[in-house]
Amino acid sequence: MFLIETLRKQGVPGKIAFIQYEIFQLTFIKKYNRSANYIYFLWPGFIFTILQQVLSLVLSFASEFEMKTFAKFI
């Protein structure tokens, strides 16, 4: 409440001083993601997920051709 009284003494109206009063101050420190753009972290995951899906599809087709069972699905 000391801060509200200080703001009132500086000429700030009571309602505005009460709105501006913070019980505790929060400070956000951006260390590793300064741009706050998470696509930089998502791209490697997307790339590896797509690569995994493509490789599993290729291996599946390769095993079907190798066992000569691919013609059954066509």
PDB file of N, CA and C in Angstrom:
ATOM      1  N   MET A   1       0.811  -1.201   0.000  1.00  0.00           N
ATOM      2  CA  MET A   1       0.000   0.000   0.000  1.00  0.00           C
ATOM      3  C   MET A   1       0.854   1.265   0.000  1.00  0.00           C
ATOM      4  N   PHE A   2       2.123   1.099   0.332  1.00  0.00           N
ATOM      5  CA  PHE A   2       3.026   2.244   0.339  1.00  0.00           C
ATOM      6  C   PHE A   2       3.179   2.821  -1.066  1.00  0.00           C
ATOM      7  N   LEU A   3       3.177   1.938  -2.080  1.00  0.00           N
ATOM      8  CA  LEU A   3       3.334   2.408  -3.449  1.00  0.00           C
ATOM      9  C   LEU A   3       2.116   3.206  -3.897  1.00  0.00           C
ATOM     10  N   ILE A   4       0.932   2.803  -3.471  1.00  0.00           N
ATOM     11  CA  ILE A   4      -0.283   3.539  -3.845  1.00  0.00           C
ATOM     12  C   ILE A   4      -0.239   4.938  -3.247  1.00  0.00           C
ATOM     13  N   GLU A   5       0.191   5.047  -2.003  1.00  0.00           N
ATOM     14  CA  GLU A   5       0.296   6.366  -1.371  1.00  0.00           C
ATOM     15  C   GLU A   5       1.344   7.226  -2.081  1.00  0.00           C
ATOM     16  N   THR A   6       2.429   6.606  -2.501  1.00  0.00           N
ATOM     17  CA  THR A   6       3.465   7.339  -3.225  1.00  0.00           C
ATOM     18  C   THR A   6       2.926   7.860  -4.548  1.00  0.00           C
ATOM     19  N   LEU A   7       2.156   7.012  -5.253  1.00  0.00           N
ATOM     20  CA  LEU A   7       1.571   7.449  -6.525  1.00  0.00           C
ATOM     21  C   LEU A   7       0.560   8.567  -6.305  1.00  0.00           C
ATOM     22  N   ARG A   8      -0.215   8.492  -5.226  1.00  0.00           N
ATOM     23  CA  ARG A   8      -1.181   9.563  -4.934  1.00  0.00           C
ATOM     24  C   ARG A   8      -0.467  10.878  -4.658  1.00  0.00           C
ATOM     25  N   LYS A   9       0.652  10.821  -3.956  1.00  0.00           N
ATOM     26  CA  LYS A   9       1.409  12.040  -3.656  1.00  0.00           C
ATOM     27  C   LYS A   9       1.997  12.649  -4.914  1.00  0.00           C
ATOM     28  N   GLN A  10       2.234  11.806  -5.935  1.00  0.00           N
ATOM     29  CA  GLN A  10       2.768  12.309  -7.204  1.00  0.00           C
ATOM     30  C   GLN A  10       1.672  12.879  -8.084  1.00  0.00           C
ATOM     31  N   GLY A  11       0.414  12.790  -7.640  1.00  0.00           N
ATOM     32  CA  GLY A  11      -0.684  13.391  -8.382  1.00  0.00           C
ATOM     33  C   GLY A  11      -1.494  12.414  -9.209  1.00  0.00           C
ATOM     34  N   VAL A  12      -1.255  11.127  -9.037  1.00  0.00           N
ATOM     35  CA  VAL A  12      -2.017  10.123  -9.776  1.00  0.00           C
ATOM     36  C   VAL A  12      -3.326   9.888  -9.035  1.00  0.00           C
ATOM     37  N   PRO A  13      -4.471   9.908  -9.727  1.00  0.00           N
ATOM     38  CA  PRO A  13      -5.746   9.647  -9.048  1.00  0.00           C
ATOM     39  C   PRO A  13      -5.774   8.263  -8.396  1.00  0.00           C
ATOM     40  N   GLY A  14      -6.600   8.121  -7.358  1.00  0.00           N
ATOM     41  CA  GLY A  14      -6.644   6.899  -6.564  1.00  0.00           C
ATOM     42  C   GLY A  14      -6.955   5.647  -7.354  1.00  0.00           C
ATOM     43  N   LYS A  15      -7.938   5.700  -8.266  1.00  0.00           N
ATOM     44  CA  LYS A  15      -8.311   4.525  -9.058  1.00  0.00           C
ATOM     45  C   LYS A  15      -7.172   4.076  -9.973  1.00  0.00           C
ATOM     46  N   ILE A  16      -6.533   5.032 -10.607  1.00  0.00           N
ATOM     47  CA  ILE A  16      -5.427   4.699 -11.505  1.00  0.00           C
ATOM     48  C   ILE A  16      -4.241   4.169 -10.706  1.00  0.00           C
ATOM     49  N   ALA A  17      -3.989   4.734  -9.550  1.00  0.00           N
ATOM     50  CA  ALA A  17      -2.897   4.250  -8.703  1.00  0.00           C
ATOM     51  C   ALA A  17      -3.163   2.817  -8.254  1.00  0.00           C
ATOM     52  N   PHE A  18      -4.416   2.511  -7.936  1.00  0.00           N
ATOM     53  CA  PHE A  18      -4.762   1.157  -7.506  1.00  0.00           C
ATOM     54  C   PHE A  18      -4.608   0.155  -8.652  1.00  0.00           C
ATOM     55  N   ILE A  19      -4.936   0.585  -9.888  1.00  0.00           N
ATOM     56  CA  ILE A  19      -4.787  -0.290 -11.061  1.00  0.00           C
ATOM     57  C   ILE A  19      -3.307  -0.528 -11.355  1.00  0.00           C
ATOM     58  N   GLN A  20      -2.476   0.509 -11.194  1.00  0.00           N
ATOM     59  CA  GLN A  20      -1.058   0.384 -11.505  1.00  0.00           C
ATOM     60  C   GLN A  20      -0.280  -0.368 -10.436  1.00  0.00           C
ATOM     61  N   TYR A  21      -0.878  -0.555  -9.270  1.00  0.00           N
ATOM     62  CA  TYR A  21      -0.173  -1.221  -8.166  1.00  0.00           C
ATOM     63  C   TYR A  21      -0.005  -2.707  -8.458  1.00  0.00           C
ATOM     64  N   GLU A  22       1.195  -3.218  -8.279  1.00  0.00           N
ATOM     65  CA  GLU A  22       1.476  -4.638  -8.453  1.00  0.00           C
ATOM     66  C   GLU A  22       1.906  -5.208  -7.103  1.00  0.00           C
ATOM     67  N   ILE A  23       1.307  -6.333  -6.725  1.00  0.00           N
ATOM     68  CA  ILE A  23       1.674  -6.950  -5.454  1.00  0.00           C
ATOM     69  C   ILE A  23       3.116  -7.433  -5.512  1.00  0.00           C
ATOM     70  N   PHE A  24       3.474  -8.100  -6.603  1.00  0.00           N
ATOM     71  CA  PHE A  24       4.859  -8.492  -6.821  1.00  0.00           C
ATOM     72  C   PHE A  24       5.167  -8.286  -8.295  1.00  0.00           C
ATOM     73  N   GLN A  25       6.388  -7.964  -8.561  1.00  0.00           N
ATOM     74  CA  GLN A  25       6.790  -7.616  -9.917  1.00  0.00           C
ATOM     75  C   GLN A  25       7.290  -8.858 -10.648  1.00  0.00           C
ATOM     76  N   LEU A  26       6.822  -9.031 -11.863  1.00  0.00           N
ATOM     77  CA  LEU A  26       7.269 -10.137 -12.692  1.00  0.00           C
ATOM     78  C   LEU A  26       8.254  -9.631 -13.738  1.00  0.00           C
ATOM     79  N   THR A  27       9.324 -10.357 -13.884  1.00  0.00           N
ATOM     80  CA  THR A  27      10.324 -10.019 -14.893  1.00  0.00           C
ATOM     81  C   THR A  27      10.528 -11.229 -15.788  1.00  0.00           C
ATOM     82  N   PHE A  28      10.330 -11.054 -17.078  1.00  0.00           N
ATOM     83  CA  PHE A  28      10.525 -12.123 -18.033  1.00  0.00           C
ATOM     84  C   PHE A  28      11.889 -11.955 -18.688  1.00  0.00           C
ATOM     85  N   ILE A  29      12.710 -12.971 -18.593  1.00  0.00           N
ATOM     86  CA  ILE A  29      14.029 -12.940 -19.199  1.00  0.00           C
ATOM     87  C   ILE A  29      14.047 -13.975 -20.320  1.00  0.00           C
ATOM     88  N   LYS A  30      14.263 -13.516 -21.529  1.00  0.00           N
ATOM     89  CA  LYS A  30      14.341 -14.416 -22.671  1.00  0.00           C
ATOM     90  C   LYS A  30      15.799 -14.762 -22.899  1.00  0.00           C
ATOM     91  N   LYS A  31      16.183 -15.977 -22.555  1.00  0.00           N
ATOM     92  CA  LYS A  31      17.582 -16.356 -22.706  1.00  0.00           C
ATOM     93  C   LYS A  31      17.847 -17.027 -24.048  1.00  0.00           C
ATOM     94  N   TYR A  32      17.130 -18.085 -24.345  1.00  0.00           N
ATOM     95  CA  TYR A  32      17.474 -18.910 -25.496  1.00  0.00           C
ATOM     96  C   TYR A  32      16.552 -18.687 -26.688  1.00  0.00           C
ATOM     97  N   ASN A  33      15.468 -17.982 -26.492  1.00  0.00           N
ATOM     98  CA  ASN A  33      14.530 -17.735 -27.578  1.00  0.00           C
ATOM     99  C   ASN A  33      14.190 -16.250 -27.588  1.00  0.00           C
ATOM    100  N   ARG A  34      15.158 -15.447 -27.948  1.00  0.00           N
ATOM    101  CA  ARG A  34      14.983 -14.005 -27.862  1.00  0.00           C
ATOM    102  C   ARG A  34      13.930 -13.467 -28.819  1.00  0.00           C
ATOM    103  N   SER A  35      13.709 -14.142 -29.923  1.00  0.00           N
ATOM    104  CA  SER A  35      12.727 -13.650 -30.882  1.00  0.00           C
ATOM    105  C   SER A  35      11.315 -14.077 -30.524  1.00  0.00           C
ATOM    106  N   ALA A  36      11.158 -14.985 -29.558  1.00  0.00           N
ATOM    107  CA  ALA A  36       9.861 -15.523 -29.135  1.00  0.00           C
ATOM    108  C   ALA A  36       9.142 -16.198 -30.305  1.00  0.00           C
ATOM    109  N   ASN A  37       9.906 -16.731 -31.237  1.00  0.00           N
ATOM    110  CA  ASN A  37       9.347 -17.417 -32.384  1.00  0.00           C
ATOM    111  C   ASN A  37       9.730 -18.887 -32.268  1.00  0.00           C
ATOM    112  N   TYR A  38       8.747 -19.729 -31.970  1.00  0.00           N
ATOM    113  CA  TYR A  38       9.038 -21.127 -31.698  1.00  0.00           C
ATOM    114  C   TYR A  38       9.178 -21.972 -32.948  1.00  0.00           C
ATOM    115  N   ILE A  39       8.996 -21.379 -34.117  1.00  0.00           N
ATOM    116  CA  ILE A  39       9.171 -22.153 -35.345  1.00  0.00           C
ATOM    117  C   ILE A  39      10.630 -22.563 -35.510  1.00  0.00           C
ATOM    118  N   TYR A  40      11.558 -21.791 -34.919  1.00  0.00           N
ATOM    119  CA  TYR A  40      12.974 -22.166 -34.975  1.00  0.00           C
ATOM    120  C   TYR A  40      13.213 -23.487 -34.259  1.00  0.00           C
ATOM    121  N   PHE A  41      12.428 -23.771 -33.215  1.00  0.00           N
ATOM    122  CA  PHE A  41      12.573 -25.016 -32.481  1.00  0.00           C
ATOM    123  C   PHE A  41      11.745 -26.140 -33.096  1.00  0.00           C
ATOM    124  N   LEU A  42      10.705 -25.792 -33.832  1.00  0.00           N
ATOM    125  CA  LEU A  42       9.829 -26.801 -34.416  1.00  0.00           C
ATOM    126  C   LEU A  42      10.358 -27.356 -35.730  1.00  0.00           C
ATOM    127  N   TRP A  43      11.117 -26.562 -36.501  1.00  0.00           N
ATOM    128  CA  TRP A  43      11.597 -27.020 -37.803  1.00  0.00           C
ATOM    129  C   TRP A  43      12.376 -28.320 -37.735  1.00  0.00           C
ATOM    130  N   PRO A  44      13.343 -28.476 -36.829  1.00  0.00           N
ATOM    131  CA  PRO A  44      14.061 -29.763 -36.789  1.00  0.00           C
ATOM    132  C   PRO A  44      13.125 -30.935 -36.485  1.00  0.00           C
ATOM    133  N   GLY A  45      12.176 -30.730 -35.609  1.00  0.00           N
ATOM    134  CA  GLY A  45      11.214 -31.796 -35.306  1.00  0.00           C
ATOM    135  C   GLY A  45      10.370 -32.148 -36.513  1.00  0.00           C
ATOM    136  N   PHE A  46       9.907 -31.132 -37.233  1.00  0.00           N
ATOM    137  CA  PHE A  46       9.123 -31.391 -38.448  1.00  0.00           C
ATOM    138  C   PHE A  46       9.952 -32.143 -39.484  1.00  0.00           C
ATOM    139  N   ILE A  47      11.166 -31.694 -39.682  1.00  0.00           N
ATOM    140  CA  ILE A  47      12.029 -32.322 -40.683  1.00  0.00           C
ATOM    141  C   ILE A  47      12.271 -33.786 -40.346  1.00  0.00           C
ATOM    142  N   PHE A  48      12.628 -34.076 -39.091  1.00  0.00           N
ATOM    143  CA  PHE A  48      12.908 -35.453 -38.703  1.00  0.00           C
ATOM    144  C   PHE A  48      11.661 -36.328 -38.713  1.00  0.00           C
ATOM    145  N   THR A  49      10.508 -35.762 -38.390  1.00  0.00           N
ATOM    146  CA  THR A  49       9.259 -36.532 -38.440  1.00  0.00           C
ATOM    147  C   THR A  49       8.917 -36.895 -39.875  1.00  0.00           C
ATOM    148  N   ILE A  50       9.023 -35.939 -40.774  1.00  0.00           N
ATOM    149  CA  ILE A  50       8.739 -36.221 -42.185  1.00  0.00           C
ATOM    150  C   ILE A  50       9.743 -37.221 -42.735  1.00  0.00           C
ATOM    151  N   LEU A  51      11.017 -37.067 -42.382  1.00  0.00           N
ATOM    152  CA  LEU A  51      12.044 -37.995 -42.824  1.00  0.00           C
ATOM    153  C   LEU A  51      11.770 -39.412 -42.308  1.00  0.00           C
ATOM    154  N   GLN A  52      11.342 -39.532 -41.070  1.00  0.00           N
ATOM    155  CA  GLN A  52      11.028 -40.841 -40.505  1.00  0.00           C
ATOM    156  C   GLN A  52       9.857 -41.491 -41.242  1.00  0.00           C
ATOM    157  N   GLN A  53       8.819 -40.725 -41.532  1.00  0.00           N
ATOM    158  CA  GLN A  53       7.666 -41.267 -42.240  1.00  0.00           C
ATOM    159  C   GLN A  53       8.035 -41.714 -43.649  1.00  0.00           C
ATOM    160  N   VAL A  54       8.840 -40.905 -44.335  1.00  0.00           N
ATOM    161  CA  VAL A  54       9.256 -41.261 -45.693  1.00  0.00           C
ATOM    162  C   VAL A  54      10.116 -42.516 -45.680  1.00  0.00           C
ATOM    163  N   LEU A  55      11.052 -42.600 -44.740  1.00  0.00           N
ATOM    164  CA  LEU A  55      11.913 -43.777 -44.671  1.00  0.00           C
ATOM    165  C   LEU A  55      11.132 -45.040 -44.318  1.00  0.00           C
ATOM    166  N   SER A  56      10.165 -44.925 -43.410  1.00  0.00           N
ATOM    167  CA  SER A  56       9.372 -46.116 -43.078  1.00  0.00           C
ATOM    168  C   SER A  56       8.518 -46.556 -44.268  1.00  0.00           C
ATOM    169  N   LEU A  57       8.013 -45.604 -45.049  1.00  0.00           N
ATOM    170  CA  LEU A  57       7.245 -45.945 -46.247  1.00  0.00           C
ATOM    171  C   LEU A  57       8.135 -46.621 -47.283  1.00  0.00           C
ATOM    172  N   VAL A  58       9.339 -46.090 -47.469  1.00  0.00           N
ATOM    173  CA  VAL A  58      10.276 -46.673 -48.427  1.00  0.00           C
ATOM    174  C   VAL A  58      10.675 -48.081 -48.002  1.00  0.00           C
ATOM    175  N   LEU A  59      10.964 -48.270 -46.725  1.00  0.00           N
ATOM    176  CA  LEU A  59      11.328 -49.601 -46.236  1.00  0.00           C
ATOM    177  C   LEU A  59      10.172 -50.587 -46.359  1.00  0.00           C
ATOM    178  N   SER A  60       8.965 -50.096 -46.151  1.00  0.00           N
ATOM    179  CA  SER A  60       7.800 -50.958 -46.301  1.00  0.00           C
ATOM    180  C   SER A  60       7.644 -51.412 -47.750  1.00  0.00           C
ATOM    181  N   PHE A  61       7.751 -50.471 -48.696  1.00  0.00           N
ATOM    182  CA  PHE A  61       7.663 -50.840 -50.110  1.00  0.00           C
ATOM    183  C   PHE A  61       8.804 -51.766 -50.514  1.00  0.00           C
ATOM    184  N   ALA A  62      10.001 -51.491 -49.999  1.00  0.00           N
ATOM    185  CA  ALA A  62      11.152 -52.324 -50.352  1.00  0.00           C
ATOM    186  C   ALA A  62      10.965 -53.760 -49.860  1.00  0.00           C
ATOM    187  N   SER A  63      10.447 -53.910 -48.654  1.00  0.00           N
ATOM    188  CA  SER A  63      10.239 -55.273 -48.149  1.00  0.00           C
ATOM    189  C   SER A  63       9.123 -55.986 -48.915  1.00  0.00           C
ATOM    190  N   GLU A  64       8.099 -55.256 -49.335  1.00  0.00           N
ATOM    191  CA  GLU A  64       7.023 -55.869 -50.124  1.00  0.00           C
ATOM    192  C   GLU A  64       7.549 -56.322 -51.492  1.00  0.00           C
ATOM    193  N   PHE A  65       8.383 -55.472 -52.139  1.00  0.00           N
ATOM    194  CA  PHE A  65       8.967 -55.864 -53.416  1.00  0.00           C
ATOM    195  C   PHE A  65       9.904 -57.048 -53.246  1.00  0.00           C
ATOM    196  N   GLU A  66      10.646 -57.063 -52.148  1.00  0.00           N
ATOM    197  CA  GLU A  66      11.609 -58.127 -51.911  1.00  0.00           C
ATOM    198  C   GLU A  66      10.912 -59.474 -51.698  1.00  0.00           C
ATOM    199  N   MET A  67       9.780 -59.444 -50.996  1.00  0.00           N
ATOM    200  CA  MET A  67       9.042 -60.688 -50.752  1.00  0.00           C
ATOM    201  C   MET A  67       8.069 -61.012 -51.883  1.00  0.00           C
ATOM    202  N   LYS A  68       8.013 -60.141 -52.899  1.00  0.00           N
ATOM    203  CA  LYS A  68       7.146 -60.277 -54.064  1.00  0.00           C
ATOM    204  C   LYS A  68       5.671 -60.375 -53.677  1.00  0.00           C
ATOM    205  N   THR A  69       5.283 -59.607 -52.663  1.00  0.00           N
ATOM    206  CA  THR A  69       3.882 -59.562 -52.253  1.00  0.00           C
ATOM    207  C   THR A  69       3.237 -58.212 -52.586  1.00  0.00           C
ATOM    208  N   PHE A  70       3.956 -57.345 -53.239  1.00  0.00           N
ATOM    209  CA  PHE A  70       3.423 -56.027 -53.557  1.00  0.00           C
ATOM    210  C   PHE A  70       2.317 -56.103 -54.609  1.00  0.00           C
ATOM    211  N   ALA A  71       2.400 -57.069 -55.490  1.00  0.00           N
ATOM    212  CA  ALA A  71       1.411 -57.212 -56.568  1.00  0.00           C
ATOM    213  C   ALA A  71       0.030 -57.550 -56.019  1.00  0.00           C
ATOM    214  N   LYS A  72      -0.059 -58.116 -54.814  1.00  0.00           N
ATOM    215  CA  LYS A  72      -1.362 -58.452 -54.227  1.00  0.00           C
ATOM    216  C   LYS A  72      -2.164 -57.202 -53.896  1.00  0.00           C
ATOM    217  N   PHE A  73      -1.477 -56.086 -53.598  1.00  0.00           N
ATOM    218  CA  PHE A  73      -2.154 -54.865 -53.175  1.00  0.00           C
ATOM    219  C   PHE A  73      -2.572 -53.998 -54.350  1.00  0.00           C
ATOM    220  N   ILE A  74      -2.026 -54.258 -55.521  1.00  0.00           N
ATOM    221  CA  ILE A  74      -2.340 -53.417 -56.686  1.00  0.00           C
ATOM    222  C   ILE A  74      -3.580 -53.859 -57.363  1.00  0.00           C
TER     223      ILE A  74
END
